[in-house]
Amino acid sequence: MMVFQNIRNLREDNDKKQQELADYLNVRQTTYSKYELGKINIPIEVFMKLADYYDVTIDYIVGRSQKKK
């Protein structure tokens, strides 16, 4: 569950809307919402893009590290 909470927290901490992230990731807003809710698996490519977008490590996003960089 940590993964889903982390991507939501990152989005909210950066004052972004789900639609903004969906546009960046080239997915529908409903798909992005399902990522945050843990209803569908997040492809590794999406993890990579989110890490780049927020300038954090994938380990941070998936809860393996508390360090963002």
N, C-alpha and C. Protein backbone atom coordinates (compact mmCIF):
# COMPACT_ATOMS: atom_id res chain seq x y z
N MET A 1 0.80 -1.21 0.00
CA MET A 1 0.00 0.00 0.00
C MET A 1 0.84 1.27 0.00
N MET A 2 2.07 1.16 0.46
CA MET A 2 2.94 2.32 0.54
C MET A 2 3.09 3.01 -0.81
N VAL A 3 3.21 2.24 -1.87
CA VAL A 3 3.41 2.80 -3.20
C VAL A 3 2.28 3.75 -3.56
N PHE A 4 1.07 3.31 -3.36
CA PHE A 4 -0.09 4.09 -3.76
C PHE A 4 -0.19 5.38 -2.94
N GLN A 5 0.08 5.26 -1.66
CA GLN A 5 0.05 6.44 -0.79
C GLN A 5 1.16 7.41 -1.17
N ASN A 6 2.32 6.89 -1.51
CA ASN A 6 3.45 7.76 -1.88
C ASN A 6 3.17 8.54 -3.16
N ILE A 7 2.60 7.92 -4.16
CA ILE A 7 2.36 8.69 -5.39
C ILE A 7 1.26 9.73 -5.18
N ARG A 8 0.32 9.43 -4.33
CA ARG A 8 -0.70 10.43 -4.01
C ARG A 8 -0.10 11.57 -3.21
N ASN A 9 0.71 11.25 -2.20
CA ASN A 9 1.34 12.28 -1.39
C ASN A 9 2.24 13.18 -2.23
N LEU A 10 3.01 12.58 -3.12
CA LEU A 10 3.87 13.38 -3.99
C LEU A 10 3.05 14.34 -4.84
N ARG A 11 1.97 13.84 -5.39
CA ARG A 11 1.10 14.69 -6.22
C ARG A 11 0.52 15.83 -5.40
N GLU A 12 -0.02 15.51 -4.25
CA GLU A 12 -0.65 16.55 -3.42
C GLU A 12 0.38 17.53 -2.88
N ASP A 13 1.55 17.04 -2.48
CA ASP A 13 2.61 17.92 -1.97
C ASP A 13 3.09 18.90 -3.03
N ASN A 14 2.94 18.53 -4.29
CA ASN A 14 3.36 19.39 -5.40
C ASN A 14 2.19 20.14 -6.03
N ASP A 15 1.04 20.12 -5.34
CA ASP A 15 -0.16 20.83 -5.78
C ASP A 15 -0.54 20.52 -7.22
N LYS A 16 -0.50 19.25 -7.55
CA LYS A 16 -0.87 18.80 -8.90
C LYS A 16 -2.21 18.08 -8.86
N LYS A 17 -2.90 18.15 -9.95
CA LYS A 17 -4.16 17.43 -10.12
C LYS A 17 -3.89 16.09 -10.80
N GLN A 18 -4.78 15.15 -10.57
CA GLN A 18 -4.63 13.85 -11.23
C GLN A 18 -4.56 14.01 -12.74
N GLN A 19 -5.35 14.92 -13.29
CA GLN A 19 -5.37 15.11 -14.74
C GLN A 19 -4.01 15.56 -15.26
N GLU A 20 -3.31 16.40 -14.50
CA GLU A 20 -1.98 16.85 -14.92
C GLU A 20 -1.02 15.68 -15.03
N LEU A 21 -1.07 14.79 -14.04
CA LEU A 21 -0.19 13.62 -14.07
C LEU A 21 -0.61 12.66 -15.17
N ALA A 22 -1.90 12.49 -15.34
CA ALA A 22 -2.39 11.62 -16.40
C ALA A 22 -1.92 12.11 -17.76
N ASP A 23 -1.99 13.42 -17.98
CA ASP A 23 -1.53 14.00 -19.24
C ASP A 23 -0.04 13.74 -19.43
N TYR A 24 0.74 13.96 -18.38
CA TYR A 24 2.18 13.74 -18.44
C TYR A 24 2.51 12.28 -18.76
N LEU A 25 1.75 11.37 -18.16
CA LEU A 25 2.00 9.94 -18.35
C LEU A 25 1.33 9.37 -19.60
N ASN A 26 0.54 10.20 -20.26
CA ASN A 26 -0.17 9.75 -21.46
C ASN A 26 -1.19 8.65 -21.16
N VAL A 27 -1.90 8.80 -20.05
CA VAL A 27 -2.96 7.87 -19.68
C VAL A 27 -4.21 8.69 -19.35
N ARG A 28 -5.32 8.02 -19.23
CA ARG A 28 -6.56 8.69 -18.84
C ARG A 28 -6.49 9.02 -17.35
N GLN A 29 -7.24 10.02 -16.96
CA GLN A 29 -7.31 10.39 -15.54
C GLN A 29 -7.82 9.24 -14.71
N THR A 30 -8.76 8.49 -15.24
CA THR A 30 -9.31 7.35 -14.50
C THR A 30 -8.24 6.27 -14.27
N THR A 31 -7.34 6.11 -15.23
CA THR A 31 -6.24 5.15 -15.07
C THR A 31 -5.31 5.62 -13.97
N TYR A 32 -4.96 6.90 -14.00
CA TYR A 32 -4.08 7.43 -12.96
C TYR A 32 -4.73 7.29 -11.58
N SER A 33 -6.01 7.56 -11.50
CA SER A 33 -6.74 7.41 -10.24
C SER A 33 -6.64 5.96 -9.73
N LYS A 34 -6.75 5.01 -10.64
CA LYS A 34 -6.65 3.60 -10.25
C LYS A 34 -5.24 3.26 -9.76
N TYR A 35 -4.22 3.92 -10.31
CA TYR A 35 -2.85 3.75 -9.79
C TYR A 35 -2.82 4.16 -8.32
N GLU A 36 -3.36 5.34 -8.04
CA GLU A 36 -3.33 5.87 -6.68
C GLU A 36 -4.15 5.02 -5.71
N LEU A 37 -5.20 4.43 -6.20
CA LEU A 37 -6.06 3.61 -5.34
C LEU A 37 -5.59 2.16 -5.23
N GLY A 38 -4.58 1.80 -6.00
CA GLY A 38 -4.07 0.44 -5.96
C GLY A 38 -4.96 -0.56 -6.67
N LYS A 39 -5.80 -0.06 -7.56
CA LYS A 39 -6.73 -0.96 -8.26
C LYS A 39 -6.10 -1.65 -9.46
N ILE A 40 -5.04 -1.06 -9.99
CA ILE A 40 -4.32 -1.68 -11.11
C ILE A 40 -2.82 -1.54 -10.86
N ASN A 41 -2.07 -2.46 -11.44
CA ASN A 41 -0.61 -2.43 -11.29
C ASN A 41 -0.03 -1.26 -12.08
N ILE A 42 1.02 -0.70 -11.53
CA ILE A 42 1.70 0.43 -12.17
C ILE A 42 2.87 -0.13 -12.98
N PRO A 43 2.88 0.11 -14.28
CA PRO A 43 3.99 -0.37 -15.11
C PRO A 43 5.31 0.30 -14.71
N ILE A 44 6.42 -0.40 -14.86
CA ILE A 44 7.72 0.14 -14.49
C ILE A 44 8.01 1.45 -15.22
N GLU A 45 7.55 1.57 -16.45
CA GLU A 45 7.77 2.81 -17.20
C GLU A 45 7.11 4.00 -16.51
N VAL A 46 5.97 3.76 -15.90
CA VAL A 46 5.28 4.82 -15.17
C VAL A 46 6.07 5.19 -13.92
N PHE A 47 6.59 4.19 -13.20
CA PHE A 47 7.44 4.48 -12.04
C PHE A 47 8.63 5.34 -12.45
N MET A 48 9.24 5.01 -13.57
CA MET A 48 10.40 5.75 -14.04
C MET A 48 10.02 7.20 -14.37
N LYS A 49 8.90 7.38 -15.04
CA LYS A 49 8.47 8.73 -15.39
C LYS A 49 8.09 9.54 -14.15
N LEU A 50 7.44 8.91 -13.18
CA LEU A 50 7.09 9.61 -11.95
C LEU A 50 8.33 10.01 -11.17
N ALA A 51 9.30 9.12 -11.11
CA ALA A 51 10.56 9.43 -10.41
C ALA A 51 11.24 10.63 -11.07
N ASP A 52 11.26 10.65 -12.38
CA ASP A 52 11.85 11.79 -13.10
C ASP A 52 11.04 13.06 -12.86
N TYR A 53 9.74 12.95 -12.92
CA TYR A 53 8.86 14.11 -12.76
C TYR A 53 9.05 14.78 -11.40
N TYR A 54 9.09 13.96 -10.36
CA TYR A 54 9.20 14.48 -9.00
C TYR A 54 10.65 14.60 -8.52
N ASP A 55 11.59 14.16 -9.35
CA ASP A 55 13.01 14.19 -9.00
C ASP A 55 13.29 13.41 -7.71
N VAL A 56 12.74 12.20 -7.67
CA VAL A 56 12.96 11.28 -6.54
C VAL A 56 13.39 9.93 -7.11
N THR A 57 13.80 9.05 -6.23
CA THR A 57 14.17 7.71 -6.67
C THR A 57 12.94 6.81 -6.73
N ILE A 58 13.04 5.78 -7.53
CA ILE A 58 11.97 4.77 -7.55
C ILE A 58 11.87 4.11 -6.19
N ASP A 59 13.01 3.90 -5.53
CA ASP A 59 12.99 3.31 -4.19
C ASP A 59 12.14 4.14 -3.23
N TYR A 60 12.20 5.45 -3.35
CA TYR A 60 11.37 6.31 -2.50
C TYR A 60 9.89 6.10 -2.82
N ILE A 61 9.57 6.07 -4.08
CA ILE A 61 8.17 5.90 -4.49
C ILE A 61 7.60 4.58 -3.98
N VAL A 62 8.38 3.52 -4.06
CA VAL A 62 7.86 2.20 -3.66
C VAL A 62 8.04 1.92 -2.17
N GLY A 63 8.61 2.88 -1.44
CA GLY A 63 8.71 2.73 0.01
C GLY A 63 9.94 1.97 0.49
N ARG A 64 10.92 1.77 -0.37
CA ARG A 64 12.14 1.08 0.03
C ARG A 64 13.16 2.01 0.67
N SER A 65 12.92 3.31 0.56
CA SER A 65 13.84 4.30 1.12
C SER A 65 13.06 5.52 1.56
N GLN A 66 13.54 6.15 2.60
CA GLN A 66 12.92 7.40 3.07
C GLN A 66 13.61 8.61 2.41
N LYS A 67 14.74 8.37 1.74
CA LYS A 67 15.47 9.43 1.07
C LYS A 67 14.87 9.65 -0.32
N LYS A 68 14.56 10.90 -0.61
CA LYS A 68 13.98 11.20 -1.92
C LYS A 68 14.99 11.14 -3.03
N LYS A 69 16.25 11.41 -2.74
CA LYS A 69 17.31 11.40 -3.77
C LYS A 69 18.40 10.44 -3.40
